[in-house]
């Protein structure tokens, strides 16, 4: 099994709500099986419930330089 394609989105330096708008726009076009990796200088806490409520999973990591990297992908569908 090959690694998923990862799309990068750097929203450092943008003022709210532009980072949120950009990530939501990118997620509208994200194919199933691929990931979006967003780089931002503050933890995007308002984004998390939006992701969960819209069928996405995510992982947030802090990286050197006081940055956050948020990796987002389509969550597996729950079976009945």
N, C-alpha and C. Protein backbone atom coordinates (compact mmCIF):
# COMPACT_ATOMS: atom_id res chain seq x y z
N UNK A 1 0.85 -1.18 0.00
CA UNK A 1 0.00 0.00 0.00
C UNK A 1 0.89 1.24 0.00
N UNK A 2 0.63 2.16 -0.91
CA UNK A 2 1.48 3.35 -1.01
C UNK A 2 0.99 4.44 -0.07
N UNK A 3 1.89 5.36 0.23
CA UNK A 3 1.54 6.48 1.10
C UNK A 3 0.56 7.41 0.37
N UNK A 4 -0.35 8.04 1.11
CA UNK A 4 -1.30 8.94 0.47
C UNK A 4 -0.60 10.19 -0.07
N UNK A 5 -1.18 10.77 -1.09
CA UNK A 5 -0.71 12.05 -1.60
C UNK A 5 -1.02 13.10 -0.55
N UNK A 6 -0.04 13.97 -0.25
CA UNK A 6 -0.22 15.01 0.75
C UNK A 6 -0.13 16.37 0.05
N UNK A 7 -1.17 17.17 0.20
CA UNK A 7 -1.20 18.52 -0.34
C UNK A 7 -0.81 19.48 0.78
N UNK A 8 0.03 20.43 0.49
CA UNK A 8 0.51 21.39 1.50
C UNK A 8 -0.24 22.71 1.38
N UNK A 9 -0.56 23.30 2.53
CA UNK A 9 -1.23 24.59 2.57
C UNK A 9 -0.57 25.41 3.67
N UNK A 10 0.12 26.46 3.29
CA UNK A 10 0.82 27.33 4.24
C UNK A 10 -0.02 28.59 4.43
N UNK A 11 -0.59 28.74 5.62
CA UNK A 11 -1.43 29.90 5.90
C UNK A 11 -0.78 30.81 6.95
N UNK A 12 0.52 30.66 7.13
CA UNK A 12 1.22 31.52 8.09
C UNK A 12 1.12 32.97 7.63
N UNK A 13 0.93 33.85 8.60
CA UNK A 13 0.91 35.28 8.31
C UNK A 13 -0.43 35.83 7.85
N UNK A 14 -1.41 34.97 7.64
CA UNK A 14 -2.73 35.44 7.22
C UNK A 14 -3.57 35.78 8.45
N UNK A 15 -4.38 36.81 8.31
CA UNK A 15 -5.25 37.22 9.41
C UNK A 15 -6.56 36.44 9.36
N UNK A 16 -7.12 36.10 10.54
CA UNK A 16 -8.42 35.43 10.56
C UNK A 16 -9.46 36.31 9.87
N UNK A 17 -10.40 35.74 9.16
CA UNK A 17 -10.70 34.32 9.03
C UNK A 17 -10.07 33.67 7.79
N UNK A 18 -9.11 34.34 7.17
CA UNK A 18 -8.56 33.83 5.91
C UNK A 18 -7.97 32.41 6.01
N UNK A 19 -7.22 32.06 7.07
CA UNK A 19 -6.72 30.68 7.15
C UNK A 19 -7.85 29.64 7.15
N UNK A 20 -8.91 29.92 7.88
CA UNK A 20 -10.06 29.01 7.94
C UNK A 20 -10.73 28.91 6.56
N UNK A 21 -10.90 30.03 5.90
CA UNK A 21 -11.51 30.02 4.57
C UNK A 21 -10.67 29.22 3.58
N UNK A 22 -9.35 29.40 3.63
CA UNK A 22 -8.47 28.70 2.70
C UNK A 22 -8.47 27.19 2.93
N UNK A 23 -8.45 26.76 4.21
CA UNK A 23 -8.43 25.33 4.48
C UNK A 23 -9.77 24.70 4.10
N UNK A 24 -10.87 25.37 4.37
CA UNK A 24 -12.17 24.81 4.00
C UNK A 24 -12.32 24.72 2.48
N UNK A 25 -11.81 25.71 1.76
CA UNK A 25 -11.84 25.67 0.30
C UNK A 25 -11.00 24.49 -0.21
N UNK A 26 -9.82 24.30 0.36
CA UNK A 26 -8.95 23.19 -0.05
C UNK A 26 -9.59 21.85 0.26
N UNK A 27 -10.29 21.75 1.38
CA UNK A 27 -10.94 20.48 1.74
C UNK A 27 -12.11 20.16 0.81
N UNK A 28 -12.75 21.18 0.26
CA UNK A 28 -13.83 20.94 -0.71
C UNK A 28 -13.31 20.19 -1.93
N UNK A 29 -12.03 20.36 -2.23
CA UNK A 29 -11.43 19.74 -3.42
C UNK A 29 -10.55 18.53 -3.09
N UNK A 30 -10.44 18.16 -1.81
CA UNK A 30 -9.55 17.08 -1.41
C UNK A 30 -10.14 15.72 -1.78
N UNK A 31 -9.47 14.96 -2.66
CA UNK A 31 -9.98 13.64 -3.01
C UNK A 31 -9.87 12.67 -1.82
N UNK A 32 -10.80 11.73 -1.76
CA UNK A 32 -10.73 10.68 -0.75
C UNK A 32 -9.41 9.93 -0.92
N UNK A 33 -8.78 9.58 0.18
CA UNK A 33 -7.51 8.87 0.15
C UNK A 33 -6.30 9.78 0.13
N UNK A 34 -6.51 11.09 0.02
CA UNK A 34 -5.42 12.05 0.05
C UNK A 34 -5.52 12.88 1.33
N UNK A 35 -4.44 13.59 1.63
CA UNK A 35 -4.39 14.37 2.87
C UNK A 35 -4.04 15.83 2.57
N UNK A 36 -4.46 16.70 3.47
CA UNK A 36 -4.09 18.11 3.43
C UNK A 36 -3.27 18.40 4.67
N UNK A 37 -2.12 19.01 4.48
CA UNK A 37 -1.25 19.36 5.60
C UNK A 37 -1.15 20.89 5.66
N UNK A 38 -1.73 21.47 6.70
CA UNK A 38 -1.76 22.92 6.86
C UNK A 38 -0.70 23.35 7.87
N UNK A 39 0.04 24.38 7.53
CA UNK A 39 1.05 24.97 8.42
C UNK A 39 0.53 26.33 8.87
N UNK A 40 0.46 26.52 10.19
CA UNK A 40 -0.11 27.75 10.76
C UNK A 40 0.63 28.08 12.04
N UNK A 41 0.66 29.36 12.40
CA UNK A 41 1.44 29.75 13.59
C UNK A 41 0.67 29.72 14.90
N UNK A 42 -0.61 29.40 14.84
CA UNK A 42 -1.40 29.25 16.08
C UNK A 42 -2.31 28.04 15.92
N UNK A 43 -2.62 27.41 17.02
CA UNK A 43 -3.47 26.22 16.93
C UNK A 43 -4.87 26.63 16.50
N UNK A 44 -5.39 26.01 15.44
CA UNK A 44 -6.69 26.44 14.88
C UNK A 44 -7.88 25.75 15.56
N UNK A 45 -8.05 26.00 16.83
CA UNK A 45 -9.11 25.34 17.60
C UNK A 45 -10.51 25.48 17.00
N UNK A 46 -10.90 26.63 16.42
CA UNK A 46 -12.24 26.71 15.82
C UNK A 46 -12.43 25.75 14.64
N UNK A 47 -11.34 25.30 14.04
CA UNK A 47 -11.42 24.39 12.89
C UNK A 47 -11.84 22.98 13.30
N UNK A 48 -11.43 22.53 14.47
CA UNK A 48 -11.61 21.13 14.86
C UNK A 48 -13.07 20.66 14.84
N UNK A 49 -14.02 21.39 15.43
CA UNK A 49 -15.40 20.91 15.36
C UNK A 49 -15.95 20.90 13.93
N UNK A 50 -15.51 21.85 13.12
CA UNK A 50 -15.95 21.87 11.72
C UNK A 50 -15.48 20.61 11.00
N UNK A 51 -14.24 20.21 11.27
CA UNK A 51 -13.71 19.01 10.64
C UNK A 51 -14.50 17.78 11.09
N UNK A 52 -14.65 17.64 12.38
CA UNK A 52 -15.36 16.47 12.93
C UNK A 52 -16.79 16.38 12.43
N UNK A 53 -17.47 17.52 12.35
CA UNK A 53 -18.87 17.54 11.92
C UNK A 53 -19.05 17.33 10.43
N UNK A 54 -17.96 17.42 9.66
CA UNK A 54 -18.05 17.30 8.21
C UNK A 54 -17.30 16.09 7.66
N UNK A 55 -17.04 15.11 8.53
CA UNK A 55 -16.49 13.84 8.06
C UNK A 55 -14.99 13.80 7.84
N UNK A 56 -14.27 14.67 8.54
CA UNK A 56 -12.81 14.67 8.43
C UNK A 56 -12.18 14.25 9.75
N UNK A 57 -11.03 13.62 9.65
CA UNK A 57 -10.19 13.31 10.81
C UNK A 57 -8.96 14.21 10.69
N UNK A 58 -8.26 14.40 11.80
CA UNK A 58 -7.09 15.28 11.77
C UNK A 58 -6.11 14.90 12.87
N UNK A 59 -4.89 15.37 12.67
CA UNK A 59 -3.85 15.21 13.68
C UNK A 59 -3.08 16.52 13.71
N UNK A 60 -2.88 17.07 14.90
CA UNK A 60 -2.15 18.32 15.06
C UNK A 60 -0.83 18.04 15.76
N UNK A 61 0.24 18.60 15.21
CA UNK A 61 1.57 18.48 15.80
C UNK A 61 2.19 19.86 15.90
N UNK A 62 2.94 20.09 16.98
CA UNK A 62 3.71 21.33 17.05
C UNK A 62 5.06 21.06 16.40
N UNK A 63 5.54 22.04 15.68
CA UNK A 63 6.82 21.91 14.99
C UNK A 63 7.73 23.06 15.44
N UNK A 64 9.04 22.89 15.32
CA UNK A 64 9.96 23.94 15.75
C UNK A 64 9.62 25.29 15.11
N UNK A 65 9.78 26.34 15.90
CA UNK A 65 9.50 27.68 15.41
C UNK A 65 8.11 28.15 15.82
N UNK A 66 7.52 27.51 16.84
CA UNK A 66 6.20 27.88 17.35
C UNK A 66 5.14 27.79 16.27
N UNK A 67 5.19 26.72 15.48
CA UNK A 67 4.22 26.50 14.42
C UNK A 67 3.42 25.24 14.71
N UNK A 68 2.28 25.14 14.07
CA UNK A 68 1.46 23.94 14.16
C UNK A 68 1.27 23.38 12.76
N UNK A 69 1.30 22.06 12.68
CA UNK A 69 1.05 21.35 11.44
C UNK A 69 -0.20 20.51 11.67
N UNK A 70 -1.22 20.76 10.87
CA UNK A 70 -2.48 20.04 11.00
C UNK A 70 -2.66 19.19 9.74
N UNK A 71 -2.67 17.88 9.92
CA UNK A 71 -2.89 16.96 8.81
C UNK A 71 -4.34 16.51 8.86
N UNK A 72 -5.02 16.64 7.71
CA UNK A 72 -6.47 16.39 7.63
C UNK A 72 -6.75 15.39 6.52
N UNK A 73 -7.68 14.48 6.77
CA UNK A 73 -8.08 13.50 5.76
C UNK A 73 -9.54 13.14 5.98
N UNK A 74 -10.14 12.53 4.95
CA UNK A 74 -11.52 12.07 5.07
C UNK A 74 -11.56 10.91 6.07
N UNK A 75 -12.42 11.03 7.07
CA UNK A 75 -12.57 9.96 8.05
C UNK A 75 -13.26 8.76 7.38
N UNK A 76 -12.89 7.56 7.79
CA UNK A 76 -13.59 6.39 7.26
C UNK A 76 -15.08 6.46 7.59
N UNK A 77 -15.90 6.03 6.67
CA UNK A 77 -17.34 6.03 6.89
C UNK A 77 -17.70 5.01 7.95
N UNK A 78 -18.62 5.39 8.82
CA UNK A 78 -19.10 4.47 9.84
C UNK A 78 -20.12 3.55 9.21
N UNK A 79 -20.02 2.29 9.54
CA UNK A 79 -20.97 1.32 8.98
C UNK A 79 -22.12 1.14 9.94
N UNK A 80 -23.31 0.91 9.38
CA UNK A 80 -24.51 0.72 10.20
C UNK A 80 -24.49 -0.61 10.90
